Amino acid sequence: MYLNLLNKDEQQNFLELARYSMGVNGEHKKEEEEILLGYKFECQLIEYKANRQDEIEKIIKILGASSKKVKKIILIEILGIFQADGEICNKETEFLNKLSQEFNIEEYEVKRIKRWVEAMKDIVQEGYELISK
């Protein structure tokens, strides 16, 4: 949704982080793959292949040095992946907490972001229901 506000390096690092985040729960689900494809389109990096998964800690540190705005965008979009299957598991919550600590985003801000992402998901679902009737 806001990935166009990131520069190309941030977008590529985000796509690496997004691919990694998909596997935090031990599997890559179809819904998550669809979200990732949407992120690639948004970044205009459709052909991008995540190939730096072994450098994820370095990537997190690099993204952690970004502006607060960029870090919040990343959290919003990662939460979009985590919620793609309708639930956020314990491992995903732990990873989100790790990211927010590395990004120096306070807990109340993370909760606010999480509520907003959940509300947006509900609004989109309601929109689909409205146009289907």
Protein backbone atom coordinates (compact mmCIF):
# COMPACT_ATOMS: atom_id res chain seq x y z
CA MET A 1 0.00 0.00 0.00
CA TYR A 2 2.83 2.39 0.87
CA LEU A 3 5.81 0.63 -0.69
CA ASN A 4 6.05 3.28 -3.41
CA LEU A 5 7.32 5.63 -0.68
CA LEU A 6 10.45 3.50 -0.23
CA ASN A 7 13.52 3.93 -2.42
CA LYS A 8 14.61 1.00 -4.63
CA ASP A 9 17.18 -0.32 -2.12
CA GLU A 10 14.60 -0.21 0.66
CA GLN A 11 12.07 -1.94 -1.60
CA GLN A 12 14.51 -4.74 -2.44
CA ASN A 13 15.44 -5.17 1.21
CA PHE A 14 11.74 -5.17 2.08
CA LEU A 15 11.04 -7.91 -0.48
CA GLU A 16 13.83 -10.00 1.08
CA LEU A 17 12.30 -9.44 4.52
CA ALA A 18 8.81 -10.19 3.22
CA ARG A 19 9.96 -13.51 1.69
CA TYR A 20 11.69 -14.41 4.95
CA SER A 21 8.62 -13.41 6.99
CA MET A 22 6.45 -15.77 4.97
CA GLY A 23 8.44 -18.73 6.28
CA VAL A 24 8.53 -17.71 9.94
CA ASN A 25 5.65 -20.09 10.69
CA GLY A 26 7.38 -22.93 8.85
CA GLU A 27 5.49 -22.75 5.55
CA HIS A 28 4.77 -20.47 2.61
CA LYS A 29 1.01 -20.27 2.13
CA LYS A 30 -0.76 -19.48 -1.14
CA GLU A 31 -2.33 -16.34 0.36
CA GLU A 32 1.10 -15.09 1.40
CA GLU A 33 2.52 -15.75 -2.08
CA GLU A 34 -0.31 -13.65 -3.55
CA ILE A 35 0.45 -10.79 -1.15
CA LEU A 36 4.17 -10.97 -2.03
CA LEU A 37 3.35 -10.84 -5.75
CA GLY A 38 1.24 -7.74 -5.10
CA TYR A 39 4.17 -6.17 -3.26
CA LYS A 40 6.45 -6.90 -6.23
CA PHE A 41 3.97 -5.19 -8.58
CA GLU A 42 3.70 -2.21 -6.25
CA CYS A 43 7.49 -1.87 -6.18
CA GLN A 44 7.67 -2.40 -9.95
CA LEU A 45 10.08 -5.26 -9.23
CA ILE A 46 7.94 -8.08 -10.63
CA GLU A 47 10.92 -10.22 -11.63
CA TYR A 48 12.75 -9.73 -8.31
CA LYS A 49 13.91 -12.99 -6.73
CA ALA A 50 14.78 -13.01 -3.04
CA ASN A 51 18.33 -14.33 -2.99
CA ARG A 52 19.77 -12.89 0.22
CA GLN A 53 17.79 -14.87 2.80
CA ASP A 54 21.03 -15.86 4.52
CA GLU A 55 21.71 -12.15 5.13
CA ILE A 56 18.37 -11.41 6.80
CA GLU A 57 19.93 -10.13 10.05
CA LYS A 58 22.05 -7.68 8.05
CA ILE A 59 18.98 -6.63 6.06
CA ILE A 60 17.02 -6.01 9.27
CA LYS A 61 19.86 -3.85 10.59
CA ILE A 62 20.02 -1.88 7.33
CA LEU A 63 16.25 -1.31 7.38
CA GLY A 64 16.51 -0.43 11.07
CA ALA A 65 18.68 2.55 10.10
CA SER A 66 15.92 3.90 7.83
CA SER A 67 13.58 6.71 8.78
CA LYS A 68 10.78 6.03 11.24
CA LYS A 69 8.29 6.46 8.40
CA VAL A 70 9.97 3.70 6.36
CA LYS A 71 10.11 1.39 9.37
CA LYS A 72 6.39 1.86 10.05
CA ILE A 73 5.60 1.17 6.39
CA ILE A 74 7.58 -2.06 6.61
CA LEU A 75 5.72 -3.15 9.76
CA ILE A 76 2.37 -2.40 8.11
CA GLU A 77 3.23 -4.46 5.05
CA ILE A 78 4.75 -7.36 7.04
CA LEU A 79 1.56 -7.48 9.10
CA GLY A 80 -0.32 -7.75 5.81
CA ILE A 81 1.59 -10.95 5.07
CA PHE A 82 1.08 -12.31 8.57
CA GLN A 83 -2.68 -11.72 8.33
CA ALA A 84 -3.03 -13.15 4.82
CA ASP A 85 -4.17 -16.52 6.18
CA GLY A 86 -6.51 -14.97 8.75
CA GLU A 87 -4.34 -15.47 11.82
CA ILE A 88 -1.04 -14.41 13.31
CA CYS A 89 0.72 -17.34 14.97
CA ASN A 90 3.09 -17.14 17.95
CA LYS A 91 6.22 -17.33 15.77
CA GLU A 92 4.95 -14.47 13.62
CA THR A 93 4.21 -12.42 16.75
CA GLU A 94 7.71 -13.11 18.06
CA PHE A 95 9.23 -12.04 14.75
CA LEU A 96 7.10 -8.88 14.70
CA ASN A 97 8.30 -8.08 18.22
CA LYS A 98 11.92 -8.62 17.13
CA LEU A 99 11.45 -6.29 14.17
CA SER A 100 9.77 -3.59 16.23
CA GLN A 101 12.60 -3.73 18.78
CA GLU A 102 15.26 -3.56 16.06
CA PHE A 103 13.33 -0.68 14.47
CA ASN A 104 12.95 1.06 17.84
CA ILE A 105 9.17 1.30 17.44
CA GLU A 106 7.39 1.43 20.78
CA GLU A 107 4.87 -1.23 21.73
CA TYR A 108 1.90 1.16 21.73
CA GLU A 109 2.77 2.18 18.15
CA VAL A 110 2.98 -1.46 17.07
CA LYS A 111 -0.43 -2.13 18.62
CA ARG A 112 -1.83 0.88 16.79
CA ILE A 113 -0.37 -0.31 13.48
CA LYS A 114 -1.73 -3.81 14.11
CA ARG A 115 -5.25 -2.45 14.83
CA TRP A 116 -5.13 -0.34 11.68
CA VAL A 117 -4.05 -3.28 9.49
CA GLU A 118 -6.82 -5.45 10.98
CA ALA A 119 -9.38 -2.69 10.36
CA MET A 120 -8.20 -2.25 6.75
CA LYS A 121 -8.50 -5.98 6.14
CA ASP A 122 -12.07 -5.88 7.50
CA ILE A 123 -12.97 -2.85 5.36
CA VAL A 124 -11.64 -4.52 2.20
CA GLN A 125 -13.58 -7.70 3.00
CA GLU A 126 -16.73 -5.66 3.62
CA GLY A 127 -16.22 -3.92 0.28
CA TYR A 128 -16.08 -7.26 -1.53
CA GLU A 129 -19.26 -8.33 0.26
CA LEU A 130 -21.02 -5.09 -0.73
CA ILE A 131 -20.24 -5.46 -4.41
CA SER A 132 -21.13 -9.15 -4.44
CA LYS A 133 -24.78 -8.57 -3.47
